[in-house]
PDB file of N, CA and C in Angstrom:
ATOM      1  N   MET A   1      63.945 106.080 119.057  1.00  0.00           N
ATOM      2  CA  MET A   1      64.690 104.926 118.792  1.00  0.00           C
ATOM      3  C   MET A   1      63.986 104.397 117.408  1.00  0.00           C
ATOM      4  N   LYS A   2      64.710 104.188 116.456  1.00  0.00           N
ATOM      5  CA  LYS A   2      64.196 103.700 115.145  1.00  0.00           C
ATOM      6  C   LYS A   2      64.760 102.303 114.924  1.00  0.00           C
ATOM      7  N   ILE A   3      63.903 101.287 114.869  1.00  0.00           N
ATOM      8  CA  ILE A   3      64.314  99.938 114.749  1.00  0.00           C
ATOM      9  C   ILE A   3      63.987  99.445 113.311  1.00  0.00           C
ATOM     10  N   SER A   4      64.979  98.961 112.732  1.00  0.00           N
ATOM     11  CA  SER A   4      64.828  98.380 111.433  1.00  0.00           C
ATOM     12  C   SER A   4      64.911  96.879 111.482  1.00  0.00           C
ATOM     13  N   LEU A   5      64.192  96.062 110.773  1.00  0.00           N
ATOM     14  CA  LEU A   5      64.321  94.683 110.868  1.00  0.00           C
ATOM     15  C   LEU A   5      65.465  94.128 110.074  1.00  0.00           C
ATOM     16  N   GLN A   6      66.073  95.016 109.298  1.00  0.00           N
ATOM     17  CA  GLN A   6      67.275  94.598 108.586  1.00  0.00           C
ATOM     18  C   GLN A   6      68.641  94.744 109.379  1.00  0.00           C
ATOM     19  N   ARG A   7      68.603  95.834 110.207  1.00  0.00           N
ATOM     20  CA  ARG A   7      69.856  96.171 110.951  1.00  0.00           C
ATOM     21  C   ARG A   7      69.398  96.593 112.318  1.00  0.00           C
ATOM     22  N   LEU A   8      69.911  95.926 113.332  1.00  0.00           N
ATOM     23  CA  LEU A   8      69.656  96.248 114.640  1.00  0.00           C
ATOM     24  C   LEU A   8      70.916  96.389 115.457  1.00  0.00           C
ATOM     25  N   SER A   9      71.236  97.631 115.848  1.00  0.00           N
ATOM     26  CA  SER A   9      72.612  98.035 116.503  1.00  0.00           C
ATOM     27  C   SER A   9      72.545  97.453 117.848  1.00  0.00           C
ATOM     28  N   THR A  10      73.724  97.422 118.493  1.00  0.00           N
ATOM     29  CA  THR A  10      73.862  97.025 119.889  1.00  0.00           C
ATOM     30  C   THR A  10      73.125  98.137 120.764  1.00  0.00           C
ATOM     31  N   LYS A  11      73.238  99.264 120.421  1.00  0.00           N
ATOM     32  CA  LYS A  11      72.595 100.408 121.164  1.00  0.00           C
ATOM     33  C   LYS A  11      71.008 100.284 121.098  1.00  0.00           C
ATOM     34  N   ASP A  12      70.547  99.887 120.032  1.00  0.00           N
ATOM     35  CA  ASP A  12      69.105  99.748 119.830  1.00  0.00           C
ATOM     36  C   ASP A  12      68.614  98.543 120.712  1.00  0.00           C
ATOM     37  N   LEU A  13      69.414  97.416 120.722  1.00  0.00           N
ATOM     38  CA  LEU A  13      69.151  96.263 121.516  1.00  0.00           C
ATOM     39  C   LEU A  13      69.133  96.714 123.007  1.00  0.00           C
ATOM     40  N   ALA A  14      70.155  97.484 123.392  1.00  0.00           N
ATOM     41  CA  ALA A  14      70.139  97.884 124.844  1.00  0.00           C
ATOM     42  C   ALA A  14      69.064  98.728 125.274  1.00  0.00           C
ATOM     43  N   THR A  15      68.602  99.642 124.338  1.00  0.00           N
ATOM     44  CA  THR A  15      67.467 100.423 124.577  1.00  0.00           C
ATOM     45  C   THR A  15      66.223  99.700 124.729  1.00  0.00           C
ATOM     46  N   LEU A  16      66.063  98.728 123.810  1.00  0.00           N
ATOM     47  CA  LEU A  16      64.911  97.899 123.894  1.00  0.00           C
ATOM     48  C   LEU A  16      64.828  97.065 125.168  1.00  0.00           C
ATOM     49  N   THR A  17      65.985  96.556 125.504  1.00  0.00           N
ATOM     50  CA  THR A  17      66.135  95.765 126.688  1.00  0.00           C
ATOM     51  C   THR A  17      65.790  96.630 127.960  1.00  0.00           C
ATOM     52  N   GLN A  18      66.270  97.784 127.967  1.00  0.00           N
ATOM     53  CA  GLN A  18      66.008  98.673 129.124  1.00  0.00           C
ATOM     54  C   GLN A  18      64.543  99.028 129.203  1.00  0.00           C
ATOM     55  N   ARG A  19      63.935  99.239 128.125  1.00  0.00           N
ATOM     56  CA  ARG A  19      62.388  99.620 128.050  1.00  0.00           C
ATOM     57  C   ARG A  19      61.696  98.431 128.525  1.00  0.00           C
ATOM     58  N   THR A  20      62.076  97.271 128.132  1.00  0.00           N
ATOM     59  CA  THR A  20      61.351  96.015 128.518  1.00  0.00           C
ATOM     60  C   THR A  20      61.533  95.884 129.961  1.00  0.00           C
ATOM     61  N   LEU A  21      62.679  96.082 130.448  1.00  0.00           N
ATOM     62  CA  LEU A  21      62.863  95.910 132.046  1.00  0.00           C
ATOM     63  C   LEU A  21      62.118  96.844 132.756  1.00  0.00           C
ATOM     64  N   GLU A  22      62.121  98.157 132.259  1.00  0.00           N
ATOM     65  CA  GLU A  22      61.325  99.121 133.054  1.00  0.00           C
ATOM     66  C   GLU A  22      59.816  98.802 132.986  1.00  0.00           C
ATOM     67  N   LEU A  23      59.294  98.367 131.928  1.00  0.00           N
ATOM     68  CA  LEU A  23      57.909  97.846 131.740  1.00  0.00           C
ATOM     69  C   LEU A  23      57.581  96.824 132.652  1.00  0.00           C
ATOM     70  N   SER A  24      58.552  95.778 132.725  1.00  0.00           N
ATOM     71  CA  SER A  24      58.271  94.656 133.600  1.00  0.00           C
ATOM     72  C   SER A  24      58.283  95.000 135.090  1.00  0.00           C
ATOM     73  N   ASN A  25      59.181  95.988 135.391  1.00  0.00           N
ATOM     74  CA  ASN A  25      59.310  96.350 136.743  1.00  0.00           C
ATOM     75  C   ASN A  25      58.224  97.409 137.238  1.00  0.00           C
ATOM     76  N   SER A  26      57.410  97.904 136.321  1.00  0.00           N
ATOM     77  CA  SER A  26      56.516  98.892 136.574  1.00  0.00           C
ATOM     78  C   SER A  26      55.219  98.332 137.378  1.00  0.00           C
ATOM     79  N   GLY A  27      54.994  97.017 137.337  1.00  0.00           N
ATOM     80  CA  GLY A  27      53.919  96.373 137.978  1.00  0.00           C
ATOM     81  C   GLY A  27      52.528  96.410 137.111  1.00  0.00           C
ATOM     82  N   ARG A  28      52.631  96.935 135.910  1.00  0.00           N
ATOM     83  CA  ARG A  28      51.449  96.927 135.083  1.00  0.00           C
ATOM     84  C   ARG A  28      51.039  95.605 134.596  1.00  0.00           C
ATOM     85  N   TYR A  29      51.997  94.712 134.449  1.00  0.00           N
ATOM     86  CA  TYR A  29      51.745  93.339 133.846  1.00  0.00           C
ATOM     87  C   TYR A  29      52.150  92.378 134.875  1.00  0.00           C
ATOM     88  N   ALA A  30      51.223  91.680 135.548  1.00  0.00           N
ATOM     89  CA  ALA A  30      51.621  90.732 136.703  1.00  0.00           C
ATOM     90  C   ALA A  30      52.377  89.502 136.034  1.00  0.00           C
ATOM     91  N   ILE A  31      52.112  89.198 134.939  1.00  0.00           N
ATOM     92  CA  ILE A  31      52.621  87.980 134.358  1.00  0.00           C
ATOM     93  C   ILE A  31      54.202  88.194 134.171  1.00  0.00           C
ATOM     94  N   LEU A  32      54.641  89.293 134.130  1.00  0.00           N
ATOM     95  CA  LEU A  32      56.066  89.553 133.821  1.00  0.00           C
ATOM     96  C   LEU A  32      56.951  89.609 135.191  1.00  0.00           C
ATOM     97  N   SER A  33      56.192  89.642 136.313  1.00  0.00           N
ATOM     98  CA  SER A  33      57.016  89.757 137.598  1.00  0.00           C
ATOM     99  C   SER A  33      57.411  88.296 137.892  1.00  0.00           C
ATOM    100  N   ASN A  34      58.789  88.138 138.166  1.00  0.00           N
ATOM    101  CA  ASN A  34      59.347  86.902 138.462  1.00  0.00           C
ATOM    102  C   ASN A  34      59.368  85.916 137.232  1.00  0.00           C
ATOM    103  N   HIS A  35      59.315  86.465 136.120  1.00  0.00           N
ATOM    104  CA  HIS A  35      59.276  85.480 134.884  1.00  0.00           C
ATOM    105  C   HIS A  35      60.743  85.109 134.572  1.00  0.00           C
ATOM    106  N   PRO A  36      60.998  83.895 134.366  1.00  0.00           N
ATOM    107  CA  PRO A  36      62.444  83.494 134.124  1.00  0.00           C
ATOM    108  C   PRO A  36      63.131  84.231 132.886  1.00  0.00           C
ATOM    109  N   LEU A  37      62.449  84.532 131.968  1.00  0.00           N
ATOM    110  CA  LEU A  37      63.016  85.228 130.773  1.00  0.00           C
ATOM    111  C   LEU A  37      63.397  86.642 131.067  1.00  0.00           C
ATOM    112  N   VAL A  38      62.419  87.291 131.845  1.00  0.00           N
ATOM    113  CA  VAL A  38      62.842  88.677 132.275  1.00  0.00           C
ATOM    114  C   VAL A  38      63.952  88.710 133.230  1.00  0.00           C
ATOM    115  N   THR A  39      63.994  87.741 134.178  1.00  0.00           N
ATOM    116  CA  THR A  39      65.071  87.585 135.177  1.00  0.00           C
ATOM    117  C   THR A  39      66.438  87.397 134.436  1.00  0.00           C
ATOM    118  N   GLU A  40      66.482  86.461 133.341  1.00  0.00           N
ATOM    119  CA  GLU A  40      67.696  86.399 132.649  1.00  0.00           C
ATOM    120  C   GLU A  40      68.006  87.466 131.852  1.00  0.00           C
ATOM    121  N   LEU A  41      67.074  88.228 131.285  1.00  0.00           N
ATOM    122  CA  LEU A  41      67.258  89.391 130.533  1.00  0.00           C
ATOM    123  C   LEU A  41      67.928  90.474 131.411  1.00  0.00           C
ATOM    124  N   ALA A  42      67.441  90.658 132.559  1.00  0.00           N
ATOM    125  CA  ALA A  42      67.994  91.581 133.668  1.00  0.00           C
ATOM    126  C   ALA A  42      69.346  91.239 133.898  1.00  0.00           C
ATOM    127  N   THR A  43      69.693  90.010 134.113  1.00  0.00           N
ATOM    128  CA  THR A  43      71.155  89.646 134.489  1.00  0.00           C
ATOM    129  C   THR A  43      71.968  89.989 133.359  1.00  0.00           C
ATOM    130  N   LYS A  44      71.691  89.524 132.063  1.00  0.00           N
ATOM    131  CA  LYS A  44      72.518  89.758 130.876  1.00  0.00           C
ATOM    132  C   LYS A  44      72.578  91.340 130.681  1.00  0.00           C
ATOM    133  N   TYR A  45      71.557  92.012 130.862  1.00  0.00           N
ATOM    134  CA  TYR A  45      71.656  93.513 130.724  1.00  0.00           C
ATOM    135  C   TYR A  45      72.523  94.237 131.655  1.00  0.00           C
ATOM    136  N   ALA A  46      72.544  93.705 132.894  1.00  0.00           N
ATOM    137  CA  ALA A  46      73.383  94.247 133.964  1.00  0.00           C
ATOM    138  C   ALA A  46      74.859  93.985 133.592  1.00  0.00           C
ATOM    139  N   GLU A  47      75.184  92.914 133.030  1.00  0.00           N
ATOM    140  CA  GLU A  47      76.618  92.578 132.650  1.00  0.00           C
ATOM    141  C   GLU A  47      76.979  93.547 131.458  1.00  0.00           C
ATOM    142  N   TYR A  48      76.031  93.693 130.516  1.00  0.00           N
ATOM    143  CA  TYR A  48      76.291  94.570 129.347  1.00  0.00           C
ATOM    144  C   TYR A  48      76.511  96.138 129.841  1.00  0.00           C
ATOM    145  N   ASP A  49      75.572  96.493 130.721  1.00  0.00           N
ATOM    146  CA  ASP A  49      75.553  97.877 131.166  1.00  0.00           C
ATOM    147  C   ASP A  49      76.820  98.259 132.041  1.00  0.00           C
ATOM    148  N   ALA A  50      77.357  97.319 132.733  1.00  0.00           N
ATOM    149  CA  ALA A  50      78.568  97.411 133.415  1.00  0.00           C
ATOM    150  C   ALA A  50      79.728  97.805 132.605  1.00  0.00           C
ATOM    151  N   VAL A  51      79.807  97.034 131.447  1.00  0.00           N
ATOM    152  CA  VAL A  51      80.941  97.330 130.493  1.00  0.00           C
ATOM    153  C   VAL A  51      80.653  98.610 129.597  1.00  0.00           C
ATOM    154  N   TYR A  52      79.421  98.726 129.115  1.00  0.00           N
ATOM    155  CA  TYR A  52      79.141  99.788 128.213  1.00  0.00           C
ATOM    156  C   TYR A  52      79.216 101.106 128.851  1.00  0.00           C
ATOM    157  N   THR A  53      78.741 101.236 130.174  1.00  0.00           N
ATOM    158  CA  THR A  53      78.781 102.625 130.780  1.00  0.00           C
ATOM    159  C   THR A  53      79.936 102.852 131.714  1.00  0.00           C
ATOM    160  N   LYS A  54      81.069 102.039 131.512  1.00  0.00           N
ATOM    161  CA  LYS A  54      82.104 102.270 132.413  1.00  0.00           C
ATOM    162  C   LYS A  54      82.873 103.616 132.075  1.00  0.00           C
ATOM    163  N   GLN A  55      83.555 104.057 132.982  1.00  0.00           N
ATOM    164  CA  GLN A  55      84.268 105.329 132.831  1.00  0.00           C
ATOM    165  C   GLN A  55      85.424 105.148 131.961  1.00  0.00           C
ATOM    166  N   THR A  56      85.487 106.045 130.948  1.00  0.00           N
ATOM    167  CA  THR A  56      86.474 105.955 129.856  1.00  0.00           C
ATOM    168  C   THR A  56      87.630 106.979 130.199  1.00  0.00           C
ATOM    169  N   PHE A  57      87.392 107.881 130.976  1.00  0.00           N
ATOM    170  CA  PHE A  57      88.467 108.803 131.424  1.00  0.00           C
ATOM    171  C   PHE A  57      89.483 108.024 132.328  1.00  0.00           C
ATOM    172  N   SER A  58      90.760 108.209 131.978  1.00  0.00           N
ATOM    173  CA  SER A  58      91.767 107.431 132.836  1.00  0.00           C
ATOM    174  C   SER A  58      92.427 108.404 133.830  1.00  0.00           C
ATOM    175  N   GLY A  59      92.114 109.544 133.887  1.00  0.00           N
ATOM    176  CA  GLY A  59      92.693 110.517 134.895  1.00  0.00           C
ATOM    177  C   GLY A  59      93.974 110.983 134.432  1.00  0.00           C
ATOM    178  N   LYS A  60      94.481 110.690 133.319  1.00  0.00           N
ATOM    179  CA  LYS A  60      95.771 111.168 132.852  1.00  0.00           C
ATOM    180  C   LYS A  60      95.602 112.170 131.799  1.00  0.00           C
ATOM    181  N   GLY A  61      94.552 112.974 131.836  1.00  0.00           N
ATOM    182  CA  GLY A  61      94.273 114.030 130.914  1.00  0.00           C
ATOM    183  C   GLY A  61      95.383 115.069 130.768  1.00  0.00           C
ATOM    184  N   LYS A  62      95.955 115.496 131.798  1.00  0.00           N
ATOM    185  CA  LYS A  62      97.057 116.538 131.781  1.00  0.00           C
ATOM    186  C   LYS A  62      98.290 115.951 131.093  1.00  0.00           C
ATOM    187  N   ASP A  63      98.668 114.749 131.499  1.00  0.00           N
ATOM    188  CA  ASP A  63      99.871 114.114 130.970  1.00  0.00           C
ATOM    189  C   ASP A  63      99.647 113.803 129.443  1.00  0.00           C
ATOM    190  N   VAL A  64      98.549 113.436 129.146  1.00  0.00           N
ATOM    191  CA  VAL A  64      98.263 113.029 127.647  1.00  0.00           C
ATOM    192  C   VAL A  64      98.204 114.456 126.824  1.00  0.00           C
ATOM    193  N   ALA A  65      97.643 115.446 127.414  1.00  0.00           N
ATOM    194  CA  ALA A  65      97.565 116.766 126.764  1.00  0.00           C
ATOM    195  C   ALA A  65      99.048 117.366 126.609  1.00  0.00           C
ATOM    196  N   ALA A  66      99.847 117.107 127.600  1.00  0.00           N
ATOM    197  CA  ALA A  66     101.230 117.604 127.520  1.00  0.00           C
ATOM    198  C   ALA A  66     102.050 116.753 126.477  1.00  0.00           C
ATOM    199  N   ALA A  67     101.809 115.663 126.447  1.00  0.00           N
ATOM    200  CA  ALA A  67     102.521 114.680 125.451  1.00  0.00           C
ATOM    201  C   ALA A  67     102.024 115.075 124.024  1.00  0.00           C
ATOM    202  N   ASP A  68     100.716 115.377 123.859  1.00  0.00           N
ATOM    203  CA  ASP A  68     100.193 115.736 122.568  1.00  0.00           C
ATOM    204  C   ASP A  68     100.774 116.989 122.168  1.00  0.00           C
ATOM    205  N   PHE A  69     100.824 118.000 123.122  1.00  0.00           N
ATOM    206  CA  PHE A  69     101.421 119.256 122.803  1.00  0.00           C
ATOM    207  C   PHE A  69     102.893 119.223 122.293  1.00  0.00           C
ATOM    208  N   ASP A  70     103.687 118.343 123.006  1.00  0.00           N
ATOM    209  CA  ASP A  70     105.098 118.107 122.742  1.00  0.00           C
ATOM    210  C   ASP A  70     105.224 117.544 121.298  1.00  0.00           C
ATOM    211  N   ARG A  71     104.382 116.585 120.979  1.00  0.00           N
ATOM    212  CA  ARG A  71     104.390 115.815 119.741  1.00  0.00           C
ATOM    213  C   ARG A  71     104.031 116.789 118.563  1.00  0.00           C
ATOM    214  N   ASP A  72     103.011 117.631 118.853  1.00  0.00           N
ATOM    215  CA  ASP A  72     102.533 118.611 117.815  1.00  0.00           C
ATOM    216  C   ASP A  72     103.605 119.710 117.656  1.00  0.00           C
ATOM    217  N   ALA A  73     104.331 120.099 118.730  1.00  0.00           N
ATOM    218  CA  ALA A  73     105.349 121.094 118.541  1.00  0.00           C
ATOM    219  C   ALA A  73     106.531 120.590 117.739  1.00  0.00           C
ATOM    220  N   ALA A  74     106.958 119.303 117.993  1.00  0.00           N
ATOM    221  CA  ALA A  74     108.063 118.762 117.302  1.00  0.00           C
ATOM    222  C   ALA A  74     107.626 118.532 115.845  1.00  0.00           C
ATOM    223  N   PHE A  75     106.488 118.045 115.611  1.00  0.00           N
ATOM    224  CA  PHE A  75     105.988 117.921 114.111  1.00  0.00           C
ATOM    225  C   PHE A  75     106.001 119.263 113.444  1.00  0.00           C
ATOM    226  N   SER A  76     105.446 120.320 114.055  1.00  0.00           N
ATOM    227  CA  SER A  76     105.364 121.618 113.485  1.00  0.00           C
ATOM    228  C   SER A  76     106.737 122.200 113.165  1.00  0.00           C
ATOM    229  N   SER A  77     107.771 121.936 114.053  1.00  0.00           N
ATOM    230  CA  SER A  77     109.121 122.377 113.910  1.00  0.00           C
ATOM    231  C   SER A  77     109.796 121.662 112.758  1.00  0.00           C
ATOM    232  N   LEU A  78     109.543 120.257 112.672  1.00  0.00           N
ATOM    233  CA  LEU A  78     110.258 119.542 111.620  1.00  0.00           C
ATOM    234  C   LEU A  78     109.591 120.011 110.272  1.00  0.00           C
ATOM    235  N   LYS A  79     108.415 120.140 110.272  1.00  0.00           N
ATOM    236  CA  LYS A  79     107.673 120.548 108.980  1.00  0.00           C
ATOM    237  C   LYS A  79     108.241 121.937 108.529  1.00  0.00           C
ATOM    238  N   ALA A  80     108.386 122.766 109.485  1.00  0.00           N
ATOM    239  CA  ALA A  80     108.946 124.154 109.210  1.00  0.00           C
ATOM    240  C   ALA A  80     110.416 123.990 108.703  1.00  0.00           C
ATOM    241  N   PHE A  81     111.133 123.127 109.241  1.00  0.00           N
ATOM    242  CA  PHE A  81     112.574 123.066 108.873  1.00  0.00           C
ATOM    243  C   PHE A  81     112.562 122.517 107.435  1.00  0.00           C
ATOM    244  N   LEU A  82     111.763 121.376 107.186  1.00  0.00           N
ATOM    245  CA  LEU A  82     111.748 120.856 105.895  1.00  0.00           C
ATOM    246  C   LEU A  82     111.309 121.870 104.844  1.00  0.00           C
ATOM    247  N   ASN A  83     110.284 122.582 105.177  1.00  0.00           N
ATOM    248  CA  ASN A  83     109.844 123.628 104.221  1.00  0.00           C
ATOM    249  C   ASN A  83     110.796 124.647 103.865  1.00  0.00           C
ATOM    250  N   GLY A  84     111.648 125.111 104.905  1.00  0.00           N
ATOM    251  CA  GLY A  84     112.796 126.029 104.602  1.00  0.00           C
ATOM    252  C   GLY A  84     113.862 125.349 103.820  1.00  0.00           C
ATOM    253  N   TYR A  85     114.174 124.096 104.110  1.00  0.00           N
ATOM    254  CA  TYR A  85     115.252 123.375 103.563  1.00  0.00           C
ATOM    255  C   TYR A  85     115.014 123.181 101.993  1.00  0.00           C
ATOM    256  N   ARG A  86     113.771 122.843 101.702  1.00  0.00           N
ATOM    257  CA  ARG A  86     113.418 122.585 100.344  1.00  0.00           C
ATOM    258  C   ARG A  86     113.505 123.733  99.388  1.00  0.00           C
ATOM    259  N   GLN A  87     113.358 124.944 100.046  1.00  0.00           N
ATOM    260  CA  GLN A  87     113.423 126.121  99.220  1.00  0.00           C
ATOM    261  C   GLN A  87     114.860 126.536  98.969  1.00  0.00           C
ATOM    262  N   LEU A  88     115.941 125.997  99.637  1.00  0.00           N
ATOM    263  CA  LEU A  88     117.195 126.309  99.390  1.00  0.00           C
ATOM    264  C   LEU A  88     117.847 125.408  98.424  1.00  0.00           C
ATOM    265  N   SER A  89     117.908 125.767  97.069  1.00  0.00           N
ATOM    266  CA  SER A  89     118.409 124.852  95.964  1.00  0.00           C
ATOM    267  C   SER A  89     119.845 124.610  96.152  1.00  0.00           C
ATOM    268  N   SER A  90     120.660 125.518  96.780  1.00  0.00           N
ATOM    269  CA  SER A  90     122.036 125.298  96.981  1.00  0.00           C
ATOM    270  C   SER A  90     122.554 124.237  97.970  1.00  0.00           C
ATOM    271  N   VAL A  91     121.645 123.746  98.823  1.00  0.00           N
ATOM    272  CA  VAL A  91     122.068 122.755  99.885  1.00  0.00           C
ATOM    273  C   VAL A  91     121.938 121.359  99.272  1.00  0.00           C
ATOM    274  N   PRO A  92     122.747 120.422  99.775  1.00  0.00           N
ATOM    275  CA  PRO A  92     122.583 119.086  99.214  1.00  0.00           C
ATOM    276  C   PRO A  92     121.222 118.478  99.727  1.00  0.00           C
ATOM    277  N   ASN A  93     120.753 117.520  98.870  1.00  0.00           N
ATOM    278  CA  ASN A  93     119.561 116.785  99.120  1.00  0.00           C
ATOM    279  C   ASN A  93     118.322 117.675  99.278  1.00  0.00           C
ATOM    280  N   PHE A  94     118.289 118.817  98.730  1.00  0.00           N
ATOM    281  CA  PHE A  94     117.101 119.601  98.813  1.00  0.00           C
ATOM    282  C   PHE A  94     115.895 119.019  98.038  1.00  0.00           C
ATOM    283  N   GLN A  95     116.186 118.222  97.053  1.00  0.00           N
ATOM    284  CA  GLN A  95     115.206 117.523  96.307  1.00  0.00           C
ATOM    285  C   GLN A  95     114.509 116.416  97.139  1.00  0.00           C
ATOM    286  N   ASP A  96     115.236 115.819  98.051  1.00  0.00           N
ATOM    287  CA  ASP A  96     114.576 114.833  98.993  1.00  0.00           C
ATOM    288  C   ASP A  96     113.615 115.605  99.841  1.00  0.00           C
ATOM    289  N   ALA A  97     114.044 116.858 100.359  1.00  0.00           N
ATOM    290  CA  ALA A  97     113.076 117.520 101.263  1.00  0.00           C
ATOM    291  C   ALA A  97     111.797 117.969 100.524  1.00  0.00           C
ATOM    292  N   GLU A  98     112.038 118.340  99.152  1.00  0.00           N
ATOM    293  CA  GLU A  98     110.954 118.662  98.346  1.00  0.00           C
ATOM    294  C   GLU A  98     109.972 117.410  98.237  1.00  0.00           C
ATOM    295  N   ASP A  99     110.508 116.333  97.938  1.00  0.00           N
ATOM    296  CA  ASP A  99     109.725 115.167  97.726  1.00  0.00           C
ATOM    297  C   ASP A  99     109.003 114.769  98.988  1.00  0.00           C
TER     298      ASP A  99
END
């Protein structure tokens, strides 16, 4: 972890908080046990961690992949059609297809 005094990202703050909490829970420093600041820090970090580490996968992977495939196939077909259409100078509006 590289911390700069000019820019501190959310991830860096979370890492710093996590390390602080691990150190306070280790028992090496008696003054940190049951300290109000550490208790508040643990509460806020738990709220952050619940949101930050939530599962992003919705379980709709196959449906989304099928929809993506259908969209890509339609786009490729349309692109191939326009490419062929623009090469036929005898058909109307071929210049629009070229543009």
